[in-house]
Amino acid sequence: MRKCIRRPPPPGFRWVFTPYFRHWRSGKILWAVDYGYDAWAFLTRA
């Protein structure tokens, strides 16, 4: 499996990791393992 993020977040942000997420337009649940990742990574305000 590939790692998601190898760099630190920008100031004022943090990484949030999740194994799946629901796509906003299609409504489908996308699993990270189906795309070769351990988890999806999203930047959020700290």
Foldseek 3Di string as FASTA:
>chain_A
DDEADDDADDPQKHKDWAQWDQDPPPRDIDGVVVVPYPTYIDIDGD
